[in-house]
PDB file of all heavy atoms in Angstrom:
ATOM      1  N   PRO A   1      95.280  98.624 122.437  1.00  0.00           N
ATOM      2  CA  PRO A   1      96.588  99.260 122.650  1.00  0.00           C
ATOM      3  C   PRO A   1      97.763  98.312 122.397  1.00  0.00           C
ATOM      4  O   PRO A   1      98.789  98.701 121.843  1.00  0.00           O
ATOM      5  CB  PRO A   1      96.542  99.722 124.106  1.00  0.00           C
ATOM      6  CG  PRO A   1      95.094  99.821 124.421  1.00  0.00           C
ATOM      7  CD  PRO A   1      94.421  98.768 123.628  1.00  0.00           C
ATOM      8  N   VAL A   2      97.582  97.034 122.821  1.00  0.00           N
ATOM      9  CA  VAL A   2      98.667  96.068 122.598  1.00  0.00           C
ATOM     10  C   VAL A   2      98.877  95.833 121.106  1.00  0.00           C
ATOM     11  O   VAL A   2     100.014  95.748 120.617  1.00  0.00           O
ATOM     12  CB  VAL A   2      98.362  94.748 123.325  1.00  0.00           C
ATOM     13  CG1 VAL A   2      99.372  93.662 122.937  1.00  0.00           C
ATOM     14  CG2 VAL A   2      98.388  94.959 124.835  1.00  0.00           C
ATOM     15  N   MET A   3      97.761  95.726 120.372  1.00  0.00           N
ATOM     16  CA  MET A   3      97.878  95.534 118.923  1.00  0.00           C
ATOM     17  C   MET A   3      98.562  96.735 118.268  1.00  0.00           C
ATOM     18  O   MET A   3      99.416  96.582 117.390  1.00  0.00           O
ATOM     19  CB  MET A   3      96.486  95.336 118.329  1.00  0.00           C
ATOM     20  CG  MET A   3      96.495  95.068 116.825  1.00  0.00           C
ATOM     21  SD  MET A   3      94.847  94.816 116.175  1.00  0.00           S
ATOM     22  CE  MET A   3      94.173  96.463 116.361  1.00  0.00           C
ATOM     23  N   MET A   4      98.200  97.944 118.702  1.00  0.00           N
ATOM     24  CA  MET A   4      98.829  99.143 118.144  1.00  0.00           C
ATOM     25  C   MET A   4     100.327  99.184 118.474  1.00  0.00           C
ATOM     26  O   MET A   4     101.152  99.605 117.651  1.00  0.00           O
ATOM     27  CB  MET A   4      98.139 100.401 118.671  1.00  0.00           C
ATOM     28  CG  MET A   4      96.706 100.548 118.192  1.00  0.00           C
ATOM     29  SD  MET A   4      96.648 100.671 116.390  1.00  0.00           S
ATOM     30  CE  MET A   4      94.888 100.498 116.094  1.00  0.00           C
ATOM     31  N   LEU A   5     100.658  98.728 119.708  1.00  0.00           N
ATOM     32  CA  LEU A   5     102.069  98.671 120.072  1.00  0.00           C
ATOM     33  C   LEU A   5     102.823  97.688 119.166  1.00  0.00           C
ATOM     34  O   LEU A   5     103.944  97.964 118.718  1.00  0.00           O
ATOM     35  CB  LEU A   5     102.215  98.264 121.540  1.00  0.00           C
ATOM     36  CG  LEU A   5     103.655  98.094 122.049  1.00  0.00           C
ATOM     37  CD1 LEU A   5     104.409  99.417 121.955  1.00  0.00           C
ATOM     38  CD2 LEU A   5     103.660  97.589 123.494  1.00  0.00           C
ATOM     39  N   GLY A   6     102.191  96.534 118.908  1.00  0.00           N
ATOM     40  CA  GLY A   6     102.831  95.560 118.009  1.00  0.00           C
ATOM     41  C   GLY A   6     103.030  96.124 116.620  1.00  0.00           C
ATOM     42  O   GLY A   6     104.087  95.928 115.993  1.00  0.00           O
ATOM     43  N   ILE A   7     102.019  96.828 116.115  1.00  0.00           N
ATOM     44  CA  ILE A   7     102.157  97.455 114.806  1.00  0.00           C
ATOM     45  C   ILE A   7     103.272  98.488 114.830  1.00  0.00           C
ATOM     46  O   ILE A   7     104.095  98.585 113.904  1.00  0.00           O
ATOM     47  CB  ILE A   7     100.827  98.089 114.376  1.00  0.00           C
ATOM     48  CG1 ILE A   7      99.783  97.000 114.127  1.00  0.00           C
ATOM     49  CG2 ILE A   7     101.010  98.948 113.127  1.00  0.00           C
ATOM     50  CD1 ILE A   7      98.396  97.532 113.857  1.00  0.00           C
ATOM     51  N   GLY A   8     103.318  99.278 115.927  1.00  0.00           N
ATOM     52  CA  GLY A   8     104.357 100.296 116.043  1.00  0.00           C
ATOM     53  C   GLY A   8     105.754  99.695 116.065  1.00  0.00           C
ATOM     54  O   GLY A   8     106.678 100.214 115.427  1.00  0.00           O
ATOM     55  N   VAL A   9     105.894  98.559 116.812  1.00  0.00           N
ATOM     56  CA  VAL A   9     107.201  97.904 116.866  1.00  0.00           C
ATOM     57  C   VAL A   9     107.603  97.409 115.477  1.00  0.00           C
ATOM     58  O   VAL A   9     108.747  97.581 115.031  1.00  0.00           O
ATOM     59  CB  VAL A   9     107.179  96.737 117.875  1.00  0.00           C
ATOM     60  CG1 VAL A   9     108.442  95.898 117.766  1.00  0.00           C
ATOM     61  CG2 VAL A   9     107.029  97.266 119.295  1.00  0.00           C
ATOM     62  N   SER A  10     106.656  96.781 114.774  1.00  0.00           N
ATOM     63  CA  SER A  10     106.959  96.263 113.429  1.00  0.00           C
ATOM     64  C   SER A  10     107.354  97.385 112.490  1.00  0.00           C
ATOM     65  O   SER A  10     108.348  97.276 111.735  1.00  0.00           O
ATOM     66  CB  SER A  10     105.734  95.518 112.876  1.00  0.00           C
ATOM     67  OG  SER A  10     105.398  94.428 113.709  1.00  0.00           O
ATOM     68  N   VAL A  11     106.595  98.478 112.529  1.00  0.00           N
ATOM     69  CA  VAL A  11     106.902  99.602 111.650  1.00  0.00           C
ATOM     70  C   VAL A  11     108.255 100.207 112.001  1.00  0.00           C
ATOM     71  O   VAL A  11     109.047 100.575 111.123  1.00  0.00           O
ATOM     72  CB  VAL A  11     105.786 100.654 111.718  1.00  0.00           C
ATOM     73  CG1 VAL A  11     106.182 101.920 110.941  1.00  0.00           C
ATOM     74  CG2 VAL A  11     104.491 100.092 111.159  1.00  0.00           C
ATOM     75  N   SER A  12     108.558 100.317 113.322  1.00  0.00           N
ATOM     76  CA  SER A  12     109.845 100.892 113.744  1.00  0.00           C
ATOM     77  C   SER A  12     111.013 100.044 113.265  1.00  0.00           C
ATOM     78  O   SER A  12     112.023 100.567 112.770  1.00  0.00           O
ATOM     79  CB  SER A  12     109.885 101.025 115.267  1.00  0.00           C
ATOM     80  OG  SER A  12     108.921 101.951 115.722  1.00  0.00           O
ATOM     81  N   VAL A  13     110.870  98.710 113.411  1.00  0.00           N
ATOM     82  CA  VAL A  13     111.948  97.825 112.968  1.00  0.00           C
ATOM     83  C   VAL A  13     112.156  97.947 111.464  1.00  0.00           C
ATOM     84  O   VAL A  13     113.294  98.066 110.971  1.00  0.00           O
ATOM     85  CB  VAL A  13     111.629  96.366 113.354  1.00  0.00           C
ATOM     86  CG1 VAL A  13     112.622  95.408 112.697  1.00  0.00           C
ATOM     87  CG2 VAL A  13     111.660  96.195 114.862  1.00  0.00           C
ATOM     88  N   LEU A  14     111.047  97.934 110.702  1.00  0.00           N
ATOM     89  CA  LEU A  14     111.168  98.066 109.257  1.00  0.00           C
ATOM     90  C   LEU A  14     111.766  99.411 108.872  1.00  0.00           C
ATOM     91  O   LEU A  14     112.600  99.506 107.964  1.00  0.00           O
ATOM     92  CB  LEU A  14     109.794  97.897 108.607  1.00  0.00           C
ATOM     93  CG  LEU A  14     109.191  96.489 108.648  1.00  0.00           C
ATOM     94  CD1 LEU A  14     107.774  96.502 108.101  1.00  0.00           C
ATOM     95  CD2 LEU A  14     110.045  95.516 107.847  1.00  0.00           C
ATOM     96  N   THR A  15     111.328 100.465 109.591  1.00  0.00           N
ATOM     97  CA  THR A  15     111.844 101.802 109.275  1.00  0.00           C
ATOM     98  C   THR A  15     113.336 101.895 109.546  1.00  0.00           C
ATOM     99  O   THR A  15     114.107 102.433 108.729  1.00  0.00           O
ATOM    100  CB  THR A  15     111.098 102.859 110.095  1.00  0.00           C
ATOM    101  OG1 THR A  15     109.703 102.802 109.769  1.00  0.00           O
ATOM    102  CG2 THR A  15     111.630 104.252 109.790  1.00  0.00           C
ATOM    103  N   LEU A  16     113.763 101.382 110.722  1.00  0.00           N
ATOM    104  CA  LEU A  16     115.192 101.419 111.037  1.00  0.00           C
ATOM    105  C   LEU A  16     115.999 100.622 110.016  1.00  0.00           C
ATOM    106  O   LEU A  16     117.081 101.040 109.598  1.00  0.00           O
ATOM    107  CB  LEU A  16     115.433 100.873 112.439  1.00  0.00           C
ATOM    108  CG  LEU A  16     114.922 101.745 113.593  1.00  0.00           C
ATOM    109  CD1 LEU A  16     115.109 101.033 114.936  1.00  0.00           C
ATOM    110  CD2 LEU A  16     115.650 103.088 113.617  1.00  0.00           C
ATOM    111  N   SER A  17     115.453  99.473 109.616  1.00  0.00           N
ATOM    112  CA  SER A  17     116.145  98.674 108.603  1.00  0.00           C
ATOM    113  C   SER A  17     116.238  99.429 107.283  1.00  0.00           C
ATOM    114  O   SER A  17     117.290  99.450 106.632  1.00  0.00           O
ATOM    115  CB  SER A  17     115.410  97.348 108.408  1.00  0.00           C
ATOM    116  OG  SER A  17     116.000  96.595 107.368  1.00  0.00           O
ATOM    117  N   MET A  18     115.154 100.076 106.887  1.00  0.00           N
ATOM    118  CA  MET A  18     115.161 100.840 105.647  1.00  0.00           C
ATOM    119  C   MET A  18     116.106 102.033 105.729  1.00  0.00           C
ATOM    120  O   MET A  18     116.775 102.376 104.748  1.00  0.00           O
ATOM    121  CB  MET A  18     113.739 101.308 105.321  1.00  0.00           C
ATOM    122  CG  MET A  18     112.790 100.175 104.934  1.00  0.00           C
ATOM    123  SD  MET A  18     111.100 100.741 104.661  1.00  0.00           S
ATOM    124  CE  MET A  18     111.335 101.821 103.268  1.00  0.00           C
ATOM    125  N   VAL A  19     116.170 102.657 106.920  1.00  0.00           N
ATOM    126  CA  VAL A  19     117.080 103.795 107.084  1.00  0.00           C
ATOM    127  C   VAL A  19     118.526 103.344 106.913  1.00  0.00           C
ATOM    128  O   VAL A  19     119.330 103.997 106.247  1.00  0.00           O
ATOM    129  CB  VAL A  19     116.863 104.455 108.458  1.00  0.00           C
ATOM    130  CG1 VAL A  19     117.990 105.441 108.758  1.00  0.00           C
ATOM    131  CG2 VAL A  19     115.521 105.177 108.485  1.00  0.00           C
ATOM    132  N   ARG A  20     118.846 102.187 107.552  1.00  0.00           N
ATOM    133  CA  ARG A  20     120.205 101.661 107.401  1.00  0.00           C
ATOM    134  C   ARG A  20     120.494 101.333 105.938  1.00  0.00           C
ATOM    135  O   ARG A  20     121.586 101.637 105.422  1.00  0.00           O
ATOM    136  CB  ARG A  20     120.380 100.411 108.263  1.00  0.00           C
ATOM    137  CG  ARG A  20     120.326 100.675 109.765  1.00  0.00           C
ATOM    138  CD  ARG A  20     120.790  99.458 110.534  1.00  0.00           C
ATOM    139  NE  ARG A  20     120.569  99.607 111.972  1.00  0.00           N
ATOM    140  CZ  ARG A  20     119.518  99.107 112.619  1.00  0.00           C
ATOM    141  NH1 ARG A  20     118.589  98.411 111.948  1.00  0.00           N
ATOM    142  NH2 ARG A  20     119.386  99.289 113.919  1.00  0.00           N
ATOM    143  N   GLN A  21     119.537 100.692 105.269  1.00  0.00           N
ATOM    144  CA  GLN A  21     119.732 100.361 103.857  1.00  0.00           C
ATOM    145  C   GLN A  21     119.904 101.623 103.019  1.00  0.00           C
ATOM    146  O   GLN A  21     120.738 101.679 102.109  1.00  0.00           O
ATOM    147  CB  GLN A  21     118.549  99.549 103.335  1.00  0.00           C
ATOM    148  CG  GLN A  21     118.470  98.134 103.910  1.00  0.00           C
ATOM    149  CD  GLN A  21     117.281  97.369 103.374  1.00  0.00           C
ATOM    150  OE1 GLN A  21     116.519  97.874 102.553  1.00  0.00           O
ATOM    151  NE2 GLN A  21     117.097  96.149 103.848  1.00  0.00           N
ATOM    152  N   GLN A  22     119.096 102.656 103.375  1.00  0.00           N
ATOM    153  CA  GLN A  22     119.209 103.904 102.626  1.00  0.00           C
ATOM    154  C   GLN A  22     120.573 104.540 102.832  1.00  0.00           C
ATOM    155  O   GLN A  22     121.181 105.054 101.879  1.00  0.00           O
ATOM    156  CB  GLN A  22     118.108 104.870 103.062  1.00  0.00           C
ATOM    157  CG  GLN A  22     118.104 106.176 102.273  1.00  0.00           C
ATOM    158  CD  GLN A  22     116.972 107.083 102.658  1.00  0.00           C
ATOM    159  OE1 GLN A  22     116.151 106.741 103.510  1.00  0.00           O
ATOM    160  NE2 GLN A  22     116.909 108.254 102.038  1.00  0.00           N
ATOM    161  N   ARG A  23     121.068 104.498 104.075  1.00  0.00           N
ATOM    162  CA  ARG A  23     122.398 105.056 104.327  1.00  0.00           C
ATOM    163  C   ARG A  23     123.466 104.284 103.564  1.00  0.00           C
ATOM    164  O   ARG A  23     124.383 104.874 102.977  1.00  0.00           O
ATOM    165  CB  ARG A  23     122.692 105.032 105.828  1.00  0.00           C
ATOM    166  CG  ARG A  23     121.874 106.055 106.622  1.00  0.00           C
ATOM    167  CD  ARG A  23     122.113 105.903 108.096  1.00  0.00           C
ATOM    168  NE  ARG A  23     121.330 106.875 108.864  1.00  0.00           N
ATOM    169  CZ  ARG A  23     121.225 106.857 110.192  1.00  0.00           C
ATOM    170  NH1 ARG A  23     121.864 105.922 110.896  1.00  0.00           N
ATOM    171  NH2 ARG A  23     120.498 107.765 110.808  1.00  0.00           N
ATOM    172  N   ASP A  24     123.333 102.942 103.589  1.00  0.00           N
ATOM    173  CA  ASP A  24     124.291 102.130 102.831  1.00  0.00           C
ATOM    174  C   ASP A  24     124.229 102.458 101.344  1.00  0.00           C
ATOM    175  O   ASP A  24     125.269 102.580 100.671  1.00  0.00           O
ATOM    176  CB  ASP A  24     124.016 100.640 103.044  1.00  0.00           C
ATOM    177  CG  ASP A  24     124.315 100.195 104.466  1.00  0.00           C
ATOM    178  OD1 ASP A  24     125.048 100.918 105.166  1.00  0.00           O
ATOM    179  OD2 ASP A  24     123.802  99.137 104.879  1.00  0.00           O
ATOM    180  N   LEU A  25     122.997 102.602 100.835  1.00  0.00           N
ATOM    181  CA  LEU A  25     122.844 102.925  99.429  1.00  0.00           C
ATOM    182  C   LEU A  25     123.425 104.303  99.112  1.00  0.00           C
ATOM    183  O   LEU A  25     124.035 104.501  98.051  1.00  0.00           O
ATOM    184  CB  LEU A  25     121.370 102.881  99.032  1.00  0.00           C
ATOM    185  CG  LEU A  25     120.735 101.481  98.967  1.00  0.00           C
ATOM    186  CD1 LEU A  25     119.244 101.593  98.692  1.00  0.00           C
ATOM    187  CD2 LEU A  25     121.398 100.632  97.890  1.00  0.00           C
ATOM    188  N   GLU A  26     123.222 105.256 100.026  1.00  0.00           N
ATOM    189  CA  GLU A  26     123.772 106.592  99.802  1.00  0.00           C
ATOM    190  C   GLU A  26     125.295 106.557  99.790  1.00  0.00           C
ATOM    191  O   GLU A  26     125.930 107.243  98.978  1.00  0.00           O
ATOM    192  CB  GLU A  26     123.263 107.548 100.880  1.00  0.00           C
ATOM    193  CG  GLU A  26     121.775 107.892 100.738  1.00  0.00           C
ATOM    194  CD  GLU A  26     121.272 108.744 101.882  1.00  0.00           C
ATOM    195  OE1 GLU A  26     122.041 108.929 102.864  1.00  0.00           O
ATOM    196  OE2 GLU A  26     120.128 109.214 101.822  1.00  0.00           O
ATOM    197  N   GLU A  27     125.884 105.765 100.721  1.00  0.00           N
ATOM    198  CA  GLU A  27     127.342 105.640 100.737  1.00  0.00           C
ATOM    199  C   GLU A  27     127.838 104.987  99.454  1.00  0.00           C
ATOM    200  O   GLU A  27     128.823 105.435  98.837  1.00  0.00           O
ATOM    201  CB  GLU A  27     127.781 104.821 101.946  1.00  0.00           C
ATOM    202  CG  GLU A  27     127.564 105.532 103.283  1.00  0.00           C
ATOM    203  CD  GLU A  27     127.968 104.666 104.453  1.00  0.00           C
ATOM    204  OE1 GLU A  27     128.385 103.510 104.220  1.00  0.00           O
ATOM    205  OE2 GLU A  27     127.861 105.136 105.604  1.00  0.00           O
ATOM    206  N   LYS A  28     127.137 103.921  99.038  1.00  0.00           N
ATOM    207  CA  LYS A  28     127.540 103.253  97.799  1.00  0.00           C
ATOM    208  C   LYS A  28     127.342 104.173  96.603  1.00  0.00           C
ATOM    209  O   LYS A  28     128.144 104.174  95.661  1.00  0.00           O
ATOM    210  CB  LYS A  28     126.745 101.960  97.614  1.00  0.00           C
ATOM    211  CG  LYS A  28     127.097 100.880  98.626  1.00  0.00           C
ATOM    212  CD  LYS A  28     126.274  99.629  98.406  1.00  0.00           C
ATOM    213  CE  LYS A  28     126.651  98.552  99.426  1.00  0.00           C
ATOM    214  NZ  LYS A  28     125.844  97.317  99.244  1.00  0.00           N
ATOM    215  N   ASP A  29     126.255 104.947  96.648  1.00  0.00           N
ATOM    216  CA  ASP A  29     126.018 105.885  95.557  1.00  0.00           C
ATOM    217  C   ASP A  29     127.135 106.925  95.476  1.00  0.00           C
ATOM    218  O   ASP A  29     127.602 107.266  94.383  1.00  0.00           O
ATOM    219  CB  ASP A  29     124.670 106.581  95.766  1.00  0.00           C
ATOM    220  CG  ASP A  29     124.348 107.559  94.649  1.00  0.00           C
ATOM    221  OD1 ASP A  29     124.155 107.116  93.511  1.00  0.00           O
ATOM    222  OD2 ASP A  29     124.303 108.780  94.937  1.00  0.00           O
ATOM    223  N   ALA A  30     127.564 107.415  96.665  1.00  0.00           N
ATOM    224  CA  ALA A  30     128.669 108.382  96.684  1.00  0.00           C
ATOM    225  C   ALA A  30     129.942 107.755  96.140  1.00  0.00           C
ATOM    226  O   ALA A  30     130.675 108.383  95.359  1.00  0.00           O
ATOM    227  CB  ALA A  30     128.877 108.898  98.103  1.00  0.00           C
ATOM    228  N   GLN A  31     130.197 106.488  96.537  1.00  0.00           N
ATOM    229  CA  GLN A  31     131.384 105.802  96.035  1.00  0.00           C
ATOM    230  C   GLN A  31     131.299 105.586  94.524  1.00  0.00           C
ATOM    231  O   GLN A  31     132.287 105.762  93.798  1.00  0.00           O
ATOM    232  CB  GLN A  31     131.552 104.461  96.739  1.00  0.00           C
ATOM    233  CG  GLN A  31     131.881 104.590  98.229  1.00  0.00           C
ATOM    234  CD  GLN A  31     131.950 103.234  98.912  1.00  0.00           C
ATOM    235  OE1 GLN A  31     131.682 102.201  98.296  1.00  0.00           O
ATOM    236  NE2 GLN A  31     132.285 103.238 100.189  1.00  0.00           N
ATOM    237  N   LEU A  32     130.100 105.209  94.059  1.00  0.00           N
ATOM    238  CA  LEU A  32     129.926 104.998  92.624  1.00  0.00           C
ATOM    239  C   LEU A  32     130.115 106.300  91.851  1.00  0.00           C
ATOM    240  O   LEU A  32     130.684 106.305  90.753  1.00  0.00           O
ATOM    241  CB  LEU A  32     128.535 104.419  92.342  1.00  0.00           C
ATOM    242  CG  LEU A  32     128.327 102.950  92.712  1.00  0.00           C
ATOM    243  CD1 LEU A  32     126.876 102.550  92.510  1.00  0.00           C
ATOM    244  CD2 LEU A  32     129.230 102.050  91.881  1.00  0.00           C
ATOM    245  N   ARG A  33     129.640 107.404  92.431  1.00  0.00           N
ATOM    246  CA  ARG A  33     129.810 108.689  91.760  1.00  0.00           C
ATOM    247  C   ARG A  33     131.295 109.049  91.661  1.00  0.00           C
ATOM    248  O   ARG A  33     131.758 109.549  90.626  1.00  0.00           O
ATOM    249  CB  ARG A  33     129.045 109.783  92.509  1.00  0.00           C
ATOM    250  CG  ARG A  33     127.530 109.674  92.360  1.00  0.00           C
ATOM    251  CD  ARG A  33     126.815 110.776  93.149  1.00  0.00           C
ATOM    252  NE  ARG A  33     125.377 110.629  93.045  1.00  0.00           N
ATOM    253  CZ  ARG A  33     124.629 111.123  92.062  1.00  0.00           C
ATOM    254  NH1 ARG A  33     125.229 111.794  91.073  1.00  0.00           N
ATOM    255  NH2 ARG A  33     123.331 110.943  92.047  1.00  0.00           N
ATOM    256  N   LEU A  34     132.025 108.787  92.769  1.00  0.00           N
ATOM    257  CA  LEU A  34     133.460 109.051  92.733  1.00  0.00           C
ATOM    258  C   LEU A  34     134.158 108.152  91.721  1.00  0.00           C
ATOM    259  O   LEU A  34     135.026 108.592  90.958  1.00  0.00           O
ATOM    260  CB  LEU A  34     134.066 108.848  94.124  1.00  0.00           C
ATOM    261  CG  LEU A  34     133.707 109.902  95.182  1.00  0.00           C
ATOM    262  CD1 LEU A  34     134.260 109.497  96.546  1.00  0.00           C
ATOM    263  CD2 LEU A  34     134.237 111.270  94.784  1.00  0.00           C
ATOM    264  N   THR A  35     133.750 106.863  91.736  1.00  0.00           N
ATOM    265  CA  THR A  35     134.342 105.920  90.789  1.00  0.00           C
ATOM    266  C   THR A  35     134.021 106.317  89.347  1.00  0.00           C
ATOM    267  O   THR A  35     134.887 106.253  88.461  1.00  0.00           O
ATOM    268  CB  THR A  35     133.824 104.497  91.058  1.00  0.00           C
ATOM    269  OG1 THR A  35     134.119 104.137  92.411  1.00  0.00           O
ATOM    270  CG2 THR A  35     134.484 103.490  90.124  1.00  0.00           C
ATOM    271  N   LEU A  36     132.768 106.742  89.124  1.00  0.00           N
ATOM    272  CA  LEU A  36     132.368 107.160  87.781  1.00  0.00           C
ATOM    273  C   LEU A  36     133.147 108.403  87.351  1.00  0.00           C
ATOM    274  O   LEU A  36     133.603 108.500  86.205  1.00  0.00           O
ATOM    275  CB  LEU A  36     130.867 107.444  87.755  1.00  0.00           C
ATOM    276  CG  LEU A  36     130.293 107.920  86.417  1.00  0.00           C
ATOM    277  CD1 LEU A  36     130.511 106.868  85.333  1.00  0.00           C
ATOM    278  CD2 LEU A  36     128.811 108.240  86.555  1.00  0.00           C
ATOM    279  N   LYS A  37     133.322 109.327  88.296  1.00  0.00           N
ATOM    280  CA  LYS A  37     134.075 110.542  87.982  1.00  0.00           C
ATOM    281  C   LYS A  37     135.521 110.205  87.629  1.00  0.00           C
ATOM    282  O   LYS A  37     136.078 110.718  86.651  1.00  0.00           O
ATOM    283  CB  LYS A  37     134.024 111.492  89.180  1.00  0.00           C
ATOM    284  CG  LYS A  37     134.724 112.815  88.944  1.00  0.00           C
ATOM    285  CD  LYS A  37     134.602 113.722  90.162  1.00  0.00           C
ATOM    286  CE  LYS A  37     135.332 115.051  89.930  1.00  0.00           C
ATOM    287  NZ  LYS A  37     135.230 115.934  91.121  1.00  0.00           N
ATOM    288  N   GLU A  38     136.127 109.302  88.428  1.00  0.00           N
ATOM    289  CA  GLU A  38     137.501 108.891  88.151  1.00  0.00           C
ATOM    290  C   GLU A  38     137.587 108.124  86.839  1.00  0.00           C
ATOM    291  O   GLU A  38     138.537 108.283  86.067  1.00  0.00           O
ATOM    292  CB  GLU A  38     138.027 108.027  89.304  1.00  0.00           C
ATOM    293  CG  GLU A  38     139.450 107.517  89.123  1.00  0.00           C
ATOM    294  CD  GLU A  38     140.473 108.631  89.090  1.00  0.00           C
ATOM    295  OE1 GLU A  38     140.148 109.766  89.545  1.00  0.00           O
ATOM    296  OE2 GLU A  38     141.593 108.390  88.621  1.00  0.00           O
ATOM    297  N   SER A  39     136.552 107.284  86.589  1.00  0.00           N
ATOM    298  CA  SER A  39     136.535 106.522  85.343  1.00  0.00           C
ATOM    299  C   SER A  39     136.438 107.451  84.136  1.00  0.00           C
ATOM    300  O   SER A  39     137.134 107.244  83.127  1.00  0.00           O
ATOM    301  CB  SER A  39     135.355 105.546  85.348  1.00  0.00           C
ATOM    302  OG  SER A  39     135.261 104.859  84.121  1.00  0.00           O
ATOM    303  N   LYS A  40     135.610 108.491  84.249  1.00  0.00           N
ATOM    304  CA  LYS A  40     135.497 109.442  83.144  1.00  0.00           C
ATOM    305  C   LYS A  40     136.806 110.205  82.943  1.00  0.00           C
ATOM    306  O   LYS A  40     137.201 110.493  81.813  1.00  0.00           O
ATOM    307  CB  LYS A  40     134.352 110.413  83.413  1.00  0.00           C
ATOM    308  CG  LYS A  40     132.966 109.771  83.276  1.00  0.00           C
ATOM    309  CD  LYS A  40     131.871 110.798  83.468  1.00  0.00           C
ATOM    310  CE  LYS A  40     130.501 110.172  83.246  1.00  0.00           C
ATOM    311  NZ  LYS A  40     129.401 111.159  83.437  1.00  0.00           N
ATOM    312  N   ARG A  41     137.468 110.526  84.075  1.00  0.00           N
ATOM    313  CA  ARG A  41     138.748 111.216  83.960  1.00  0.00           C
ATOM    314  C   ARG A  41     139.778 110.330  83.260  1.00  0.00           C
ATOM    315  O   ARG A  41     140.509 110.769  82.371  1.00  0.00           O
ATOM    316  CB  ARG A  41     139.259 111.624  85.339  1.00  0.00           C
ATOM    317  CG  ARG A  41     140.471 112.547  85.300  1.00  0.00           C
ATOM    318  CD  ARG A  41     141.015 112.768  86.697  1.00  0.00           C
ATOM    319  NE  ARG A  41     141.650 111.573  87.217  1.00  0.00           N
ATOM    320  CZ  ARG A  41     142.899 111.209  86.910  1.00  0.00           C
ATOM    321  NH1 ARG A  41     143.630 111.949  86.094  1.00  0.00           N
ATOM    322  NH2 ARG A  41     143.404 110.103  87.420  1.00  0.00           N
ATOM    323  N   GLN A  42     139.817 109.053  83.682  1.00  0.00           N
ATOM    324  CA  GLN A  42     140.751 108.116  83.063  1.00  0.00           C
ATOM    325  C   GLN A  42     140.411 107.902  81.584  1.00  0.00           C
ATOM    326  O   GLN A  42     141.305 107.801  80.733  1.00  0.00           O
ATOM    327  CB  GLN A  42     140.721 106.772  83.803  1.00  0.00           C
ATOM    328  CG  GLN A  42     141.229 106.821  85.228  1.00  0.00           C
ATOM    329  CD  GLN A  42     142.729 106.960  85.288  1.00  0.00           C
ATOM    330  OE1 GLN A  42     143.424 106.851  84.286  1.00  0.00           O
ATOM    331  NE2 GLN A  42     143.259 107.201  86.471  1.00  0.00           N
TER     332      GLN A  42
END
């Protein structure tokens, strides 16, 4: 059980980190899309 808890903690930390990175990437992607749209307009 302790080993499974350790695995669970590691997976949770990695997952939370990946979720944050994904959110950051999504925000940057949205900004890039807006920038690309404005660039195409210009």
